[in-house]
């Protein structure tokens, strides 16, 4: 098999495209969700502490 033929097959092969897209989506979600939880964590904990303290 010659190198140009191998390269042509690799360029036109899209079998792993869905897996890569799902990986990118998961990465994007992690980049948004984790910092949001870190920032909102203390506020949510204080809210629950206030609710528990009301009882």
C-alpha atoms as a PDB file:
ATOM      1  CA  UNK A   1       0.000   0.000   0.000  1.00  0.00           C
ATOM      2  CA  UNK A   2       1.446   3.353  -0.985  1.00  0.00           C
ATOM      3  CA  UNK A   3       1.597   6.374   1.289  1.00  0.00           C
ATOM      4  CA  UNK A   4      -0.746   8.606  -0.780  1.00  0.00           C
ATOM      5  CA  UNK A   5      -3.375   5.878  -0.728  1.00  0.00           C
ATOM      6  CA  UNK A   6      -3.090   5.519   3.049  1.00  0.00           C
ATOM      7  CA  UNK A   7      -3.389   9.282   3.520  1.00  0.00           C
ATOM      8  CA  UNK A   8      -6.420   9.437   1.226  1.00  0.00           C
ATOM      9  CA  UNK A   9      -8.131   6.697   3.242  1.00  0.00           C
ATOM     10  CA  UNK A  10      -7.392   8.474   6.524  1.00  0.00           C
ATOM     11  CA  UNK A  11      -8.766  11.781   5.241  1.00  0.00           C
ATOM     12  CA  UNK A  12     -12.029  10.218   4.071  1.00  0.00           C
ATOM     13  CA  UNK A  13     -12.500   7.866   7.047  1.00  0.00           C
ATOM     14  CA  UNK A  14     -15.044   9.333   9.493  1.00  0.00           C
ATOM     15  CA  UNK A  15     -15.806   6.298  11.641  1.00  0.00           C
ATOM     16  CA  UNK A  16     -14.444   7.872  14.833  1.00  0.00           C
ATOM     17  CA  UNK A  17     -16.046  11.272  14.278  1.00  0.00           C
ATOM     18  CA  UNK A  18     -19.001  10.640  16.603  1.00  0.00           C
ATOM     19  CA  UNK A  19     -16.741   9.505  19.417  1.00  0.00           C
ATOM     20  CA  UNK A  20     -14.617  12.629  19.042  1.00  0.00           C
ATOM     21  CA  UNK A  21     -17.720  14.833  19.019  1.00  0.00           C
ATOM     22  CA  UNK A  22     -19.045  13.201  22.192  1.00  0.00           C
ATOM     23  CA  UNK A  23     -15.656  13.676  23.808  1.00  0.00           C
ATOM     24  CA  UNK A  24     -15.643  17.363  22.889  1.00  0.00           C
ATOM     25  CA  UNK A  25     -19.164  17.809  24.264  1.00  0.00           C
ATOM     26  CA  UNK A  26     -18.216  16.074  27.519  1.00  0.00           C
ATOM     27  CA  UNK A  27     -15.126  18.263  27.822  1.00  0.00           C
ATOM     28  CA  UNK A  28     -17.135  21.416  27.197  1.00  0.00           C
ATOM     29  CA  UNK A  29     -19.708  20.394  29.798  1.00  0.00           C
ATOM     30  CA  UNK A  30     -16.970  19.663  32.318  1.00  0.00           C
ATOM     31  CA  UNK A  31     -15.355  23.046  31.652  1.00  0.00           C
ATOM     32  CA  UNK A  32     -18.676  24.757  32.375  1.00  0.00           C
ATOM     33  CA  UNK A  33     -20.140  22.600  35.149  1.00  0.00           C
ATOM     34  CA  UNK A  34     -17.098  22.157  37.399  1.00  0.00           C
ATOM     35  CA  UNK A  35     -16.283  25.865  37.835  1.00  0.00           C
ATOM     36  CA  UNK A  36     -19.980  26.623  38.280  1.00  0.00           C
ATOM     37  CA  UNK A  37     -20.262  24.062  41.060  1.00  0.00           C
ATOM     38  CA  UNK A  38     -17.100  25.387  42.677  1.00  0.00           C
ATOM     39  CA  UNK A  39     -18.458  28.936  42.618  1.00  0.00           C
ATOM     40  CA  UNK A  40     -21.991  28.060  43.719  1.00  0.00           C
ATOM     41  CA  UNK A  41     -21.035  25.336  46.214  1.00  0.00           C
ATOM     42  CA  UNK A  42     -20.680  27.593  49.270  1.00  0.00           C
ATOM     43  CA  UNK A  43     -23.946  29.417  48.489  1.00  0.00           C
ATOM     44  CA  UNK A  44     -25.848  26.139  48.164  1.00  0.00           C
ATOM     45  CA  UNK A  45     -24.277  24.820  51.370  1.00  0.00           C
ATOM     46  CA  UNK A  46     -25.310  27.995  53.204  1.00  0.00           C
ATOM     47  CA  UNK A  47     -28.834  27.676  51.824  1.00  0.00           C
ATOM     48  CA  UNK A  48     -29.134  24.101  53.086  1.00  0.00           C
ATOM     49  CA  UNK A  49     -27.631  25.084  56.428  1.00  0.00           C
ATOM     50  CA  UNK A  50     -30.271  27.794  56.731  1.00  0.00           C
ATOM     51  CA  UNK A  51     -33.045  25.361  55.923  1.00  0.00           C
ATOM     52  CA  UNK A  52     -31.734  22.826  58.448  1.00  0.00           C
ATOM     53  CA  UNK A  53     -31.345  25.578  61.051  1.00  0.00           C
ATOM     54  CA  UNK A  54     -34.994  26.564  60.597  1.00  0.00           C
ATOM     55  CA  UNK A  55     -36.139  23.228  61.981  1.00  0.00           C
END
